[in-house]
């Protein structure tokens, strides 16, 4: 199962409803925003993983958040973690603004709600990444993380290009950014 599918598997209707309540939007808009945000987070992480120390920062963040996958509903109910802005900087690096702008453009959410959505989803993405691709190998090579994220982004780009070309174009811009 692809990373995006595994992440979506943790975001059923109850979780979408929690996100919509946190954002103050209807569940349909929340679902659209989530569908845009998850691949953009992965693309931003893939791009950051190619930077010096980027993959190591992502690996450390994934290890820290691996238990979130067991408690997605509880985590969402609590709202964005206090350190989530720092988390976005660690896992997206200088691509943080591009990812946030991409989510805003693709979903129609305003800037603040886009940022809040990214802060809610990032720990979930990291948890699923940790579980799916690193399992019990907590000392996974950062190169493996970078390779995994690159492959997942390419797969996501192909899938999204067929389903939602506007999101695929934005994803391509993020992945192609320097």
N, C-alpha and C. Protein backbone atom coordinates (compact mmCIF):
# COMPACT_ATOMS: atom_id res chain seq x y z
N UNK A 1 0.85 -1.18 0.00
CA UNK A 1 0.00 0.00 0.00
C UNK A 1 0.89 1.24 0.00
N UNK A 2 0.54 2.18 -0.83
CA UNK A 2 1.29 3.44 -0.93
C UNK A 2 1.11 4.26 0.35
N UNK A 3 2.07 5.11 0.60
CA UNK A 3 2.05 5.95 1.79
C UNK A 3 0.78 6.79 1.86
N UNK A 4 0.39 7.40 0.74
CA UNK A 4 -0.82 8.24 0.75
C UNK A 4 -2.06 7.44 1.12
N UNK A 5 -2.15 6.22 0.58
CA UNK A 5 -3.29 5.36 0.91
C UNK A 5 -3.28 4.99 2.39
N UNK A 6 -2.10 4.70 2.93
CA UNK A 6 -1.99 4.35 4.35
C UNK A 6 -2.40 5.53 5.23
N UNK A 7 -1.99 6.73 4.83
CA UNK A 7 -2.36 7.92 5.60
C UNK A 7 -3.87 8.12 5.53
N UNK A 8 -4.43 8.03 4.32
CA UNK A 8 -5.89 8.19 4.17
C UNK A 8 -6.65 7.14 4.98
N UNK A 9 -6.04 5.96 5.15
CA UNK A 9 -6.66 4.91 5.96
C UNK A 9 -6.82 5.30 7.42
N UNK A 10 -6.02 6.24 7.88
CA UNK A 10 -6.12 6.74 9.25
C UNK A 10 -7.07 7.94 9.35
N UNK A 11 -7.60 8.39 8.22
CA UNK A 11 -8.44 9.58 8.20
C UNK A 11 -9.84 9.25 7.67
N UNK A 12 -10.59 8.54 8.49
CA UNK A 12 -11.97 8.20 8.15
C UNK A 12 -12.90 9.36 8.41
N UNK A 13 -14.19 9.10 8.30
CA UNK A 13 -15.18 10.17 8.48
C UNK A 13 -15.12 10.81 9.86
N UNK A 14 -14.92 10.04 10.94
CA UNK A 14 -14.82 10.72 12.25
C UNK A 14 -13.65 11.70 12.32
N UNK A 15 -12.52 11.32 11.75
CA UNK A 15 -11.35 12.20 11.76
C UNK A 15 -11.56 13.42 10.87
N UNK A 16 -12.20 13.22 9.73
CA UNK A 16 -12.51 14.34 8.83
C UNK A 16 -13.45 15.31 9.53
N UNK A 17 -14.43 14.77 10.26
CA UNK A 17 -15.35 15.63 11.01
C UNK A 17 -14.61 16.42 12.08
N UNK A 18 -13.66 15.78 12.77
CA UNK A 18 -12.88 16.49 13.78
C UNK A 18 -12.06 17.62 13.14
N UNK A 19 -11.45 17.33 12.01
CA UNK A 19 -10.66 18.35 11.31
C UNK A 19 -11.56 19.49 10.86
N UNK A 20 -12.75 19.16 10.32
CA UNK A 20 -13.65 20.22 9.86
C UNK A 20 -14.08 21.10 11.02
N UNK A 21 -14.32 20.50 12.19
CA UNK A 21 -14.69 21.29 13.37
C UNK A 21 -13.54 22.19 13.81
N UNK A 22 -12.32 21.63 13.82
CA UNK A 22 -11.15 22.41 14.23
C UNK A 22 -10.93 23.61 13.30
N UNK A 23 -11.18 23.38 12.00
CA UNK A 23 -10.97 24.44 11.01
C UNK A 23 -12.17 25.37 10.86
N UNK A 24 -13.34 24.91 11.32
CA UNK A 24 -14.54 25.71 11.16
C UNK A 24 -15.06 25.71 9.74
N UNK A 25 -14.92 24.56 9.06
CA UNK A 25 -15.40 24.42 7.68
C UNK A 25 -16.28 23.17 7.60
N UNK A 26 -17.01 23.02 6.52
CA UNK A 26 -17.85 21.83 6.38
C UNK A 26 -16.97 20.61 6.04
N UNK A 27 -17.46 19.41 6.35
CA UNK A 27 -16.67 18.20 6.13
C UNK A 27 -16.23 17.98 4.68
N UNK A 28 -17.05 18.40 3.73
CA UNK A 28 -16.67 18.23 2.32
C UNK A 28 -15.44 19.07 1.98
N UNK A 29 -15.41 20.30 2.46
CA UNK A 29 -14.24 21.15 2.23
C UNK A 29 -13.03 20.59 2.97
N UNK A 30 -13.24 20.09 4.18
CA UNK A 30 -12.14 19.49 4.94
C UNK A 30 -11.57 18.31 4.16
N UNK A 31 -12.42 17.47 3.60
CA UNK A 31 -11.96 16.31 2.82
C UNK A 31 -11.15 16.76 1.61
N UNK A 32 -11.62 17.78 0.91
CA UNK A 32 -10.89 18.31 -0.24
C UNK A 32 -9.53 18.85 0.19
N UNK A 33 -9.52 19.56 1.29
CA UNK A 33 -8.27 20.15 1.79
C UNK A 33 -7.29 19.05 2.21
N UNK A 34 -7.79 18.02 2.87
CA UNK A 34 -6.93 16.90 3.28
C UNK A 34 -6.35 16.20 2.06
N UNK A 35 -7.20 15.97 1.05
CA UNK A 35 -6.74 15.31 -0.17
C UNK A 35 -5.65 16.11 -0.87
N UNK A 36 -5.68 17.42 -0.73
CA UNK A 36 -4.64 18.27 -1.30
C UNK A 36 -3.41 18.33 -0.41
N UNK A 37 -3.64 18.42 0.90
CA UNK A 37 -2.54 18.65 1.83
C UNK A 37 -1.62 17.45 2.01
N UNK A 38 -2.16 16.26 2.09
CA UNK A 38 -1.32 15.08 2.37
C UNK A 38 -0.24 14.89 1.31
N UNK A 39 -0.56 14.87 0.03
CA UNK A 39 0.53 14.70 -0.95
C UNK A 39 1.49 15.89 -0.97
N UNK A 40 1.00 17.07 -0.64
CA UNK A 40 1.89 18.23 -0.62
C UNK A 40 2.86 18.16 0.56
N UNK A 41 2.39 17.65 1.69
CA UNK A 41 3.30 17.44 2.83
C UNK A 41 4.38 16.44 2.44
N UNK A 42 3.97 15.35 1.82
CA UNK A 42 4.94 14.32 1.40
C UNK A 42 5.93 14.90 0.39
N UNK A 43 5.44 15.69 -0.56
CA UNK A 43 6.34 16.30 -1.55
C UNK A 43 7.29 17.29 -0.90
N UNK A 44 6.77 18.09 0.02
CA UNK A 44 7.63 19.03 0.73
C UNK A 44 8.70 18.32 1.54
N UNK A 45 8.32 17.22 2.19
CA UNK A 45 9.29 16.43 2.95
C UNK A 45 10.32 15.80 2.01
N UNK A 46 9.86 15.32 0.86
CA UNK A 46 10.79 14.71 -0.11
C UNK A 46 11.80 15.73 -0.59
N UNK A 47 11.34 16.93 -0.86
CA UNK A 47 12.25 17.97 -1.31
C UNK A 47 13.21 18.38 -0.20
N UNK A 48 12.70 18.49 1.01
CA UNK A 48 13.56 18.86 2.15
C UNK A 48 14.58 17.75 2.44
N UNK A 49 14.20 16.51 2.20
CA UNK A 49 15.10 15.38 2.47
C UNK A 49 16.33 15.40 1.58
N UNK A 50 16.28 16.14 0.47
CA UNK A 50 17.44 16.24 -0.42
C UNK A 50 18.43 17.31 0.04
N UNK A 51 18.03 18.10 1.03
CA UNK A 51 18.89 19.17 1.55
C UNK A 51 19.80 18.60 2.64
N UNK A 52 20.93 19.25 2.91
CA UNK A 52 21.80 18.78 3.99
C UNK A 52 21.02 18.69 5.31
N UNK A 53 21.10 17.58 5.95
CA UNK A 53 20.46 17.29 7.23
C UNK A 53 18.93 17.22 7.17
N UNK A 54 18.35 17.40 6.00
CA UNK A 54 16.89 17.34 5.88
C UNK A 54 16.34 15.96 6.19
N UNK A 55 16.95 14.92 5.62
CA UNK A 55 16.47 13.55 5.85
C UNK A 55 16.63 13.17 7.31
N UNK A 56 17.70 13.60 7.92
CA UNK A 56 17.92 13.31 9.34
C UNK A 56 16.85 13.97 10.19
N UNK A 57 16.51 15.22 9.90
CA UNK A 57 15.46 15.93 10.64
C UNK A 57 14.12 15.22 10.49
N UNK A 58 13.83 14.75 9.28
CA UNK A 58 12.57 14.04 9.04
C UNK A 58 12.57 12.71 9.79
N UNK A 59 13.69 11.99 9.75
CA UNK A 59 13.79 10.73 10.46
C UNK A 59 13.54 10.93 11.96
N UNK A 60 14.17 11.93 12.54
CA UNK A 60 14.00 12.20 13.97
C UNK A 60 12.54 12.57 14.29
N UNK A 61 11.94 13.38 13.45
CA UNK A 61 10.54 13.77 13.66
C UNK A 61 9.62 12.56 13.54
N UNK A 62 9.89 11.69 12.57
CA UNK A 62 9.07 10.49 12.39
C UNK A 62 9.17 9.58 13.61
N UNK A 63 10.37 9.43 14.14
CA UNK A 63 10.55 8.61 15.34
C UNK A 63 9.77 9.19 16.51
N UNK A 64 9.81 10.49 16.66
CA UNK A 64 9.13 11.16 17.76
C UNK A 64 7.61 11.00 17.66
N UNK A 65 7.09 10.94 16.46
CA UNK A 65 5.63 10.93 16.26
C UNK A 65 5.07 9.56 15.90
N UNK A 66 5.85 8.50 15.96
CA UNK A 66 5.38 7.21 15.47
C UNK A 66 4.15 6.68 16.20
N UNK A 67 3.93 7.05 17.45
CA UNK A 67 2.78 6.56 18.20
C UNK A 67 1.48 7.28 17.85
N UNK A 68 1.57 8.37 17.11
CA UNK A 68 0.37 9.12 16.72
C UNK A 68 -0.58 8.22 15.91
N UNK A 69 -0.06 7.29 15.14
CA UNK A 69 -0.89 6.42 14.31
C UNK A 69 -1.88 5.61 15.14
N UNK A 70 -1.54 5.36 16.41
CA UNK A 70 -2.44 4.61 17.29
C UNK A 70 -3.54 5.47 17.88
N UNK A 71 -3.39 6.78 17.82
CA UNK A 71 -4.30 7.69 18.51
C UNK A 71 -4.71 8.88 17.65
N UNK A 72 -4.97 8.66 16.39
CA UNK A 72 -5.26 9.78 15.48
C UNK A 72 -6.43 10.62 15.98
N UNK A 73 -7.52 9.98 16.38
CA UNK A 73 -8.69 10.72 16.85
C UNK A 73 -8.38 11.58 18.06
N UNK A 74 -7.64 11.03 19.01
CA UNK A 74 -7.26 11.76 20.21
C UNK A 74 -6.35 12.93 19.87
N UNK A 75 -5.41 12.69 18.97
CA UNK A 75 -4.48 13.75 18.56
C UNK A 75 -5.24 14.88 17.87
N UNK A 76 -6.18 14.54 17.00
CA UNK A 76 -6.95 15.57 16.31
C UNK A 76 -7.84 16.34 17.27
N UNK A 77 -8.40 15.63 18.23
CA UNK A 77 -9.28 16.28 19.20
C UNK A 77 -8.50 17.30 20.03
N UNK A 78 -7.26 17.01 20.31
CA UNK A 78 -6.42 17.92 21.09
C UNK A 78 -6.01 19.16 20.29
N UNK A 79 -6.14 19.09 18.99
CA UNK A 79 -5.75 20.22 18.14
C UNK A 79 -4.27 20.17 17.82
N UNK A 80 -3.79 21.14 17.05
CA UNK A 80 -2.37 21.13 16.66
C UNK A 80 -1.47 21.18 17.89
N UNK A 81 -0.40 20.38 17.88
CA UNK A 81 0.52 20.41 19.01
C UNK A 81 1.21 21.77 19.14
N UNK A 82 1.65 22.07 20.34
CA UNK A 82 2.28 23.37 20.62
C UNK A 82 3.52 23.60 19.77
N UNK A 83 4.26 22.54 19.47
CA UNK A 83 5.50 22.69 18.70
C UNK A 83 5.30 22.50 17.21
N UNK A 84 4.05 22.53 16.74
CA UNK A 84 3.80 22.16 15.35
C UNK A 84 4.38 23.12 14.34
N UNK A 85 4.48 24.40 14.64
CA UNK A 85 5.11 25.31 13.69
C UNK A 85 6.58 24.93 13.53
N UNK A 86 7.23 24.63 14.65
CA UNK A 86 8.61 24.16 14.59
C UNK A 86 8.72 22.84 13.86
N UNK A 87 7.72 21.99 14.05
CA UNK A 87 7.70 20.70 13.35
C UNK A 87 7.64 20.91 11.84
N UNK A 88 6.78 21.81 11.40
CA UNK A 88 6.68 22.07 9.96
C UNK A 88 8.01 22.58 9.42
N UNK A 89 8.66 23.45 10.16
CA UNK A 89 9.97 23.94 9.73
C UNK A 89 10.99 22.80 9.65
N UNK A 90 10.95 21.87 10.62
CA UNK A 90 11.90 20.75 10.62
C UNK A 90 11.67 19.79 9.47
N UNK A 91 10.41 19.51 9.14
CA UNK A 91 10.16 18.49 8.13
C UNK A 91 10.00 19.05 6.72
N UNK A 92 9.70 20.34 6.61
CA UNK A 92 9.53 20.95 5.28
C UNK A 92 10.64 21.93 4.94
N UNK A 93 11.36 22.38 5.95
CA UNK A 93 12.45 23.32 5.73
C UNK A 93 11.97 24.55 4.99
N UNK A 94 12.75 24.97 4.03
CA UNK A 94 12.40 26.20 3.30
C UNK A 94 11.22 26.02 2.36
N UNK A 95 10.68 24.79 2.28
CA UNK A 95 9.53 24.53 1.42
C UNK A 95 8.21 24.67 2.17
N UNK A 96 8.28 25.05 3.44
CA UNK A 96 7.09 25.20 4.27
C UNK A 96 6.09 26.16 3.64
N UNK A 97 6.53 27.32 3.23
CA UNK A 97 5.62 28.33 2.65
C UNK A 97 5.02 27.83 1.33
N UNK A 98 5.82 27.15 0.51
CA UNK A 98 5.32 26.64 -0.77
C UNK A 98 4.23 25.59 -0.54
N UNK A 99 4.43 24.73 0.45
CA UNK A 99 3.41 23.72 0.76
C UNK A 99 2.15 24.39 1.27
N UNK A 100 2.30 25.33 2.19
CA UNK A 100 1.13 26.04 2.72
C UNK A 100 0.39 26.77 1.61
N UNK A 101 1.11 27.46 0.74
CA UNK A 101 0.48 28.16 -0.38
C UNK A 101 -0.23 27.18 -1.32
N UNK A 102 0.40 26.03 -1.55
CA UNK A 102 -0.20 25.01 -2.41
C UNK A 102 -1.51 24.49 -1.84
N UNK A 103 -1.53 24.23 -0.54
CA UNK A 103 -2.76 23.76 0.11
C UNK A 103 -3.83 24.83 0.02
N UNK A 104 -3.45 26.06 0.25
CA UNK A 104 -4.40 27.17 0.19
C UNK A 104 -4.98 27.28 -1.23
N UNK A 105 -4.12 27.22 -2.22
CA UNK A 105 -4.56 27.35 -3.62
C UNK A 105 -5.45 26.17 -4.03
N UNK A 106 -5.06 24.96 -3.66
CA UNK A 106 -5.80 23.77 -4.10
C UNK A 106 -7.12 23.59 -3.35
N UNK A 107 -7.18 24.04 -2.10
CA UNK A 107 -8.36 23.76 -1.28
C UNK A 107 -9.32 24.94 -1.15
N UNK A 108 -8.80 26.15 -1.30
CA UNK A 108 -9.63 27.32 -1.07
C UNK A 108 -9.65 27.77 0.38
N UNK A 109 -8.92 27.07 1.25
CA UNK A 109 -8.82 27.52 2.64
C UNK A 109 -8.00 28.79 2.71
N UNK A 110 -8.25 29.60 3.71
CA UNK A 110 -7.40 30.78 3.89
C UNK A 110 -6.05 30.35 4.46
N UNK A 111 -5.14 31.30 4.54
CA UNK A 111 -3.77 31.01 4.95
C UNK A 111 -3.70 30.39 6.35
N UNK A 112 -4.43 30.96 7.29
CA UNK A 112 -4.40 30.47 8.67
C UNK A 112 -4.95 29.05 8.77
N UNK A 113 -6.05 28.78 8.08
CA UNK A 113 -6.64 27.43 8.13
C UNK A 113 -5.74 26.43 7.41
N UNK A 114 -5.09 26.85 6.34
CA UNK A 114 -4.15 25.96 5.65
C UNK A 114 -3.00 25.58 6.57
N UNK A 115 -2.47 26.56 7.28
CA UNK A 115 -1.36 26.30 8.21
C UNK A 115 -1.82 25.38 9.33
N UNK A 116 -3.01 25.63 9.85
CA UNK A 116 -3.54 24.80 10.93
C UNK A 116 -3.75 23.36 10.45
N UNK A 117 -4.25 23.20 9.24
CA UNK A 117 -4.44 21.86 8.68
C UNK A 117 -3.10 21.14 8.56
N UNK A 118 -2.09 21.83 8.05
CA UNK A 118 -0.76 21.21 7.94
C UNK A 118 -0.23 20.81 9.30
N UNK A 119 -0.48 21.62 10.31
CA UNK A 119 -0.01 21.31 11.65
C UNK A 119 -0.74 20.09 12.22
N UNK A 120 -2.00 19.90 11.86
CA UNK A 120 -2.75 18.74 12.33
C UNK A 120 -2.34 17.47 11.59
N UNK A 121 -2.09 17.59 10.29
CA UNK A 121 -1.82 16.40 9.48
C UNK A 121 -0.36 15.93 9.57
N UNK A 122 0.57 16.84 9.77
CA UNK A 122 1.99 16.47 9.75
C UNK A 122 2.35 15.36 10.73
N UNK A 123 1.89 15.40 11.98
CA UNK A 123 2.23 14.29 12.88
C UNK A 123 1.67 12.95 12.39
N UNK A 124 0.50 12.99 11.75
CA UNK A 124 -0.09 11.76 11.22
C UNK A 124 0.74 11.22 10.06
N UNK A 125 1.15 12.12 9.16
CA UNK A 125 2.00 11.72 8.04
C UNK A 125 3.30 11.11 8.56
N UNK A 126 3.91 11.76 9.54
CA UNK A 126 5.16 11.26 10.11
C UNK A 126 4.96 9.90 10.77
N UNK A 127 3.87 9.73 11.50
CA UNK A 127 3.61 8.46 12.17
C UNK A 127 3.46 7.32 11.18
N UNK A 128 2.68 7.56 10.13
CA UNK A 128 2.48 6.51 9.13
C UNK A 128 3.79 6.23 8.38
N UNK A 129 4.55 7.27 8.09
CA UNK A 129 5.86 7.10 7.46
C UNK A 129 6.75 6.23 8.34
N UNK A 130 6.80 6.53 9.61
CA UNK A 130 7.63 5.76 10.54
C UNK A 130 7.20 4.30 10.59
N UNK A 131 5.92 4.08 10.70
CA UNK A 131 5.41 2.70 10.80
C UNK A 131 5.57 1.94 9.49
N UNK A 132 5.20 2.58 8.41
CA UNK A 132 5.17 1.89 7.12
C UNK A 132 6.56 1.61 6.57
N UNK A 133 7.43 2.56 6.66
CA UNK A 133 8.71 2.43 5.97
C UNK A 133 9.91 2.14 6.84
N UNK A 134 9.76 2.31 8.14
CA UNK A 134 10.93 2.07 8.98
C UNK A 134 10.65 1.02 10.03
N UNK A 135 9.39 0.75 10.34
CA UNK A 135 9.03 -0.30 11.28
C UNK A 135 9.86 -0.25 12.54
N UNK A 136 10.46 -1.37 12.86
CA UNK A 136 11.27 -1.45 14.08
C UNK A 136 12.70 -0.97 13.85
N UNK A 137 13.05 -0.64 12.62
CA UNK A 137 14.41 -0.18 12.31
C UNK A 137 14.50 1.31 12.62
N UNK A 138 14.64 1.62 13.91
CA UNK A 138 14.66 3.02 14.33
C UNK A 138 15.94 3.74 13.92
N UNK A 139 16.92 3.02 13.46
CA UNK A 139 18.16 3.65 13.01
C UNK A 139 18.24 3.62 11.48
N UNK A 140 17.10 3.72 10.83
CA UNK A 140 17.05 3.69 9.37
C UNK A 140 17.99 4.76 8.80
N UNK A 141 18.64 4.42 7.74
CA UNK A 141 19.56 5.32 7.06
C UNK A 141 18.76 6.50 6.50
N UNK A 142 19.18 7.74 6.77
CA UNK A 142 18.47 8.89 6.21
C UNK A 142 18.35 8.84 4.68
N UNK A 143 19.29 8.19 4.02
CA UNK A 143 19.19 8.05 2.56
C UNK A 143 17.95 7.25 2.19
N UNK A 144 17.64 6.24 3.01
CA UNK A 144 16.44 5.43 2.77
C UNK A 144 15.19 6.30 2.89
N UNK A 145 15.18 7.20 3.87
CA UNK A 145 14.05 8.11 4.06
C UNK A 145 13.88 8.99 2.83
N UNK A 146 14.98 9.55 2.37
CA UNK A 146 14.93 10.41 1.19
C UNK A 146 14.44 9.64 -0.03
N UNK A 147 14.98 8.45 -0.24
CA UNK A 147 14.57 7.63 -1.38
C UNK A 147 13.09 7.27 -1.30
N UNK A 148 12.64 6.89 -0.10
CA UNK A 148 11.24 6.53 0.10
C UNK A 148 10.33 7.72 -0.22
N UNK A 149 10.68 8.88 0.30
CA UNK A 149 9.86 10.07 0.07
C UNK A 149 9.85 10.48 -1.40
N UNK A 150 10.99 10.35 -2.06
CA UNK A 150 11.06 10.68 -3.49
C UNK A 150 10.13 9.76 -4.28
N UNK A 151 10.20 8.45 -3.99
CA UNK A 151 9.36 7.48 -4.70
C UNK A 151 7.88 7.72 -4.41
N UNK A 152 7.55 7.96 -3.15
CA UNK A 152 6.15 8.20 -2.79
C UNK A 152 5.61 9.47 -3.46
N UNK A 153 6.44 10.49 -3.58
CA UNK A 153 6.01 11.72 -4.24
C UNK A 153 5.77 11.48 -5.72
N UNK A 154 6.64 10.73 -6.36
CA UNK A 154 6.44 10.43 -7.78
C UNK A 154 5.16 9.62 -7.98
N UNK A 155 4.93 8.63 -7.12
CA UNK A 155 3.70 7.85 -7.20
C UNK A 155 2.47 8.73 -6.98
N UNK A 156 2.56 9.62 -5.97
CA UNK A 156 1.44 10.51 -5.68
C UNK A 156 1.17 11.45 -6.84
N UNK A 157 2.24 11.95 -7.44
CA UNK A 157 2.08 12.88 -8.55
C UNK A 157 1.36 12.21 -9.71
N UNK A 158 1.72 10.97 -10.00
CA UNK A 158 1.06 10.25 -11.09
C UNK A 158 -0.41 9.99 -10.76
N UNK A 159 -0.68 9.56 -9.54
CA UNK A 159 -2.05 9.28 -9.12
C UNK A 159 -2.90 10.55 -9.14
N UNK A 160 -2.37 11.62 -8.59
CA UNK A 160 -3.13 12.86 -8.49
C UNK A 160 -3.32 13.51 -9.86
N UNK A 161 -2.34 13.37 -10.72
CA UNK A 161 -2.45 13.94 -12.06
C UNK A 161 -3.69 13.39 -12.77
N UNK A 162 -3.99 12.12 -12.52
CA UNK A 162 -5.18 11.50 -13.14
C UNK A 162 -6.47 11.96 -12.45
N UNK A 163 -6.43 12.10 -11.11
CA UNK A 163 -7.64 12.38 -10.35
C UNK A 163 -7.95 13.87 -10.22
N UNK A 164 -6.91 14.67 -10.02
CA UNK A 164 -7.11 16.11 -9.79
C UNK A 164 -5.93 16.87 -10.40
N UNK A 165 -5.97 17.12 -11.70
CA UNK A 165 -4.84 17.75 -12.37
C UNK A 165 -4.38 19.07 -11.76
N UNK A 166 -5.31 19.86 -11.21
CA UNK A 166 -4.89 21.14 -10.61
C UNK A 166 -3.98 20.91 -9.40
N UNK A 167 -4.28 19.90 -8.60
CA UNK A 167 -3.43 19.58 -7.46
C UNK A 167 -2.11 18.98 -7.94
N UNK A 168 -2.18 18.16 -8.98
CA UNK A 168 -0.96 17.57 -9.53
C UNK A 168 0.02 18.62 -10.01
N UNK A 169 -0.49 19.68 -10.61
CA UNK A 169 0.37 20.76 -11.08
C UNK A 169 1.04 21.49 -9.92
N UNK A 170 0.28 21.73 -8.86
CA UNK A 170 0.84 22.39 -7.68
C UNK A 170 1.88 21.48 -7.03
N UNK A 171 1.57 20.19 -6.96
CA UNK A 171 2.51 19.23 -6.40
C UNK A 171 3.80 19.21 -7.20
N UNK A 172 3.69 19.28 -8.51
CA UNK A 172 4.87 19.33 -9.37
C UNK A 172 5.71 20.57 -9.12
N UNK A 173 5.03 21.69 -8.85
CA UNK A 173 5.76 22.93 -8.55
C UNK A 173 6.54 22.80 -7.25
N UNK A 174 5.92 22.18 -6.24
CA UNK A 174 6.60 22.01 -4.95
C UNK A 174 7.78 21.06 -5.12
N UNK A 175 7.55 19.95 -5.80
CA UNK A 175 8.60 18.96 -5.95
C UNK A 175 9.71 19.47 -6.84
N UNK A 176 9.37 20.34 -7.78
CA UNK A 176 10.39 20.88 -8.68
C UNK A 176 11.11 22.10 -8.13
N UNK A 177 10.62 22.65 -7.00
CA UNK A 177 11.24 23.85 -6.42
C UNK A 177 12.64 23.54 -5.91
N UNK A 178 13.45 24.55 -5.91
CA UNK A 178 14.83 24.37 -5.44
C UNK A 178 14.95 24.61 -3.97
